[in-house]
Amino acid sequence: MIGTILSALLVGLIIGALARLLMPGNQNIGVLMTIVLGVAGSFLGSWLTYQFGYTNSNGGFEVIPFVVGVIIAIGLISAYLAISGRRVRQ
């Protein structure tokens, strides 16, 4: 149980950091919000890919849910910046 929570936080941090690196400009959000939005992107990405019938029949690292999670996290970070009124510095 604790290992699952820690791994979800670690994957959320990685997905959130990748999403922020791929976005243009400098986002003015903290590390905690990056983790929260990364975890949300990871969960939504995994859920969405499995709803479309994705199966990891070969085992190993699941690349497609990871990539979809990063894309969703980019959208979540953009939405957060738009809602909170924070500006992206160029």
C-alpha atoms as a PDB file:
ATOM      1  CA  MET A   1       0.000   0.000   0.000  1.00  0.00           C
ATOM      2  CA  ILE A   2       2.709   2.484   0.991  1.00  0.00           C
ATOM      3  CA  GLY A   3       4.863   1.363  -1.947  1.00  0.00           C
ATOM      4  CA  THR A   4       1.981   1.968  -4.350  1.00  0.00           C
ATOM      5  CA  ILE A   5       1.438   5.483  -3.046  1.00  0.00           C
ATOM      6  CA  LEU A   6       5.153   6.299  -3.200  1.00  0.00           C
ATOM      7  CA  SER A   7       5.458   4.935  -6.731  1.00  0.00           C
ATOM      8  CA  ALA A   8       2.385   6.939  -7.827  1.00  0.00           C
ATOM      9  CA  LEU A   9       3.993  10.087  -6.407  1.00  0.00           C
ATOM     10  CA  LEU A  10       7.303   9.319  -8.121  1.00  0.00           C
ATOM     11  CA  VAL A  11       5.639   8.662 -11.490  1.00  0.00           C
ATOM     12  CA  GLY A  12       3.539  11.814 -10.996  1.00  0.00           C
ATOM     13  CA  LEU A  13       6.682  13.831 -10.372  1.00  0.00           C
ATOM     14  CA  ILE A  14       8.321  12.437 -13.505  1.00  0.00           C
ATOM     15  CA  ILE A  15       5.232  12.983 -15.679  1.00  0.00           C
ATOM     16  CA  GLY A  16       4.673  16.494 -14.293  1.00  0.00           C
ATOM     17  CA  ALA A  17       8.328  17.427 -14.809  1.00  0.00           C
ATOM     18  CA  LEU A  18       8.307  16.102 -18.381  1.00  0.00           C
ATOM     19  CA  ALA A  19       5.080  17.977 -19.092  1.00  0.00           C
ATOM     20  CA  ARG A  20       6.596  21.226 -17.824  1.00  0.00           C
ATOM     21  CA  LEU A  21       9.777  20.657 -19.832  1.00  0.00           C
ATOM     22  CA  LEU A  22       7.789  20.106 -23.030  1.00  0.00           C
ATOM     23  CA  MET A  23       5.638  23.207 -22.512  1.00  0.00           C
ATOM     24  CA  PRO A  24       6.993  26.460 -23.962  1.00  0.00           C
ATOM     25  CA  GLY A  25       7.962  29.224 -21.571  1.00  0.00           C
ATOM     26  CA  ASN A  26       8.540  29.198 -17.835  1.00  0.00           C
ATOM     27  CA  GLN A  27       5.520  28.061 -15.794  1.00  0.00           C
ATOM     28  CA  ASN A  28       5.134  29.755 -12.461  1.00  0.00           C
ATOM     29  CA  ILE A  29       3.942  26.778 -10.376  1.00  0.00           C
ATOM     30  CA  GLY A  30       5.519  24.921  -7.500  1.00  0.00           C
ATOM     31  CA  VAL A  31       6.845  21.399  -7.171  1.00  0.00           C
ATOM     32  CA  LEU A  32       3.831  20.212  -5.154  1.00  0.00           C
ATOM     33  CA  MET A  33       1.380  21.359  -7.827  1.00  0.00           C
ATOM     34  CA  THR A  34       3.609  19.758 -10.482  1.00  0.00           C
ATOM     35  CA  ILE A  35       3.354  16.445  -8.609  1.00  0.00           C
ATOM     36  CA  VAL A  36      -0.415  16.762  -8.123  1.00  0.00           C
ATOM     37  CA  LEU A  37      -1.057  17.562 -11.795  1.00  0.00           C
ATOM     38  CA  GLY A  38       1.407  14.857 -12.880  1.00  0.00           C
ATOM     39  CA  VAL A  39      -0.343  12.228 -10.749  1.00  0.00           C
ATOM     40  CA  ALA A  40      -3.724  13.333 -12.118  1.00  0.00           C
ATOM     41  CA  GLY A  41      -2.363  13.159 -15.673  1.00  0.00           C
ATOM     42  CA  SER A  42      -0.918   9.717 -15.003  1.00  0.00           C
ATOM     43  CA  PHE A  43      -4.168   8.329 -13.614  1.00  0.00           C
ATOM     44  CA  LEU A  44      -6.291   9.901 -16.354  1.00  0.00           C
ATOM     45  CA  GLY A  45      -3.869   8.756 -19.065  1.00  0.00           C
ATOM     46  CA  SER A  46      -3.862   5.179 -17.807  1.00  0.00           C
ATOM     47  CA  TRP A  47      -7.621   5.102 -17.428  1.00  0.00           C
ATOM     48  CA  LEU A  48      -8.184   6.576 -20.895  1.00  0.00           C
ATOM     49  CA  THR A  49      -5.832   4.177 -22.673  1.00  0.00           C
ATOM     50  CA  TYR A  50      -7.408   1.164 -20.989  1.00  0.00           C
ATOM     51  CA  GLN A  51     -10.889   2.437 -21.917  1.00  0.00           C
ATOM     52  CA  PHE A  52      -9.785   2.376 -25.565  1.00  0.00           C
ATOM     53  CA  GLY A  53      -8.754  -1.273 -25.186  1.00  0.00           C
ATOM     54  CA  TYR A  54      -5.003  -1.021 -24.553  1.00  0.00           C
ATOM     55  CA  THR A  55      -3.450  -4.148 -23.070  1.00  0.00           C
ATOM     56  CA  ASN A  56       0.161  -4.656 -22.118  1.00  0.00           C
ATOM     57  CA  SER A  57       0.340  -8.271 -23.236  1.00  0.00           C
ATOM     58  CA  ASN A  58       4.151  -8.311 -23.454  1.00  0.00           C
ATOM     59  CA  GLY A  59       4.682  -7.030 -19.930  1.00  0.00           C
ATOM     60  CA  GLY A  60       7.335  -4.484 -19.022  1.00  0.00           C
ATOM     61  CA  PHE A  61       7.065  -0.705 -19.074  1.00  0.00           C
ATOM     62  CA  GLU A  62       3.787   0.663 -20.393  1.00  0.00           C
ATOM     63  CA  VAL A  63       4.882   3.366 -22.831  1.00  0.00           C
ATOM     64  CA  ILE A  64       1.523   4.373 -24.311  1.00  0.00           C
ATOM     65  CA  PRO A  65      -0.201   5.202 -20.976  1.00  0.00           C
ATOM     66  CA  PHE A  66       2.939   7.093 -19.932  1.00  0.00           C
ATOM     67  CA  VAL A  67       2.962   9.242 -23.091  1.00  0.00           C
ATOM     68  CA  VAL A  68      -0.793   9.865 -22.858  1.00  0.00           C
ATOM     69  CA  GLY A  69      -0.297  10.811 -19.190  1.00  0.00           C
ATOM     70  CA  VAL A  70       2.315  13.398 -20.154  1.00  0.00           C
ATOM     71  CA  ILE A  71      -0.003  14.853 -22.808  1.00  0.00           C
ATOM     72  CA  ILE A  72      -2.890  15.051 -20.341  1.00  0.00           C
ATOM     73  CA  ALA A  73      -0.593  16.600 -17.715  1.00  0.00           C
ATOM     74  CA  ILE A  74       0.360  19.300 -20.240  1.00  0.00           C
ATOM     75  CA  GLY A  75      -3.330  20.050 -20.658  1.00  0.00           C
ATOM     76  CA  LEU A  76      -3.888  20.079 -16.892  1.00  0.00           C
ATOM     77  CA  ILE A  77      -0.958  22.428 -16.304  1.00  0.00           C
ATOM     78  CA  SER A  78      -2.232  24.737 -19.063  1.00  0.00           C
ATOM     79  CA  ALA A  79      -5.724  24.701 -17.544  1.00  0.00           C
ATOM     80  CA  TYR A  80      -4.311  25.379 -14.072  1.00  0.00           C
ATOM     81  CA  LEU A  81      -2.300  28.330 -15.360  1.00  0.00           C
ATOM     82  CA  ALA A  82      -5.356  29.702 -17.186  1.00  0.00           C
ATOM     83  CA  ILE A  83      -7.660  29.304 -14.177  1.00  0.00           C
ATOM     84  CA  SER A  84      -5.217  30.617 -11.579  1.00  0.00           C
ATOM     85  CA  GLY A  85      -4.306  33.608 -13.748  1.00  0.00           C
ATOM     86  CA  ARG A  86      -0.587  32.952 -13.561  1.00  0.00           C
ATOM     87  CA  ARG A  87       1.390  34.036 -16.555  1.00  0.00           C
ATOM     88  CA  VAL A  88       3.852  32.026 -18.548  1.00  0.00           C
ATOM     89  CA  ARG A  89       7.118  33.950 -18.819  1.00  0.00           C
ATOM     90  CA  GLN A  90       8.830  33.769 -22.199  1.00  0.00           C
END
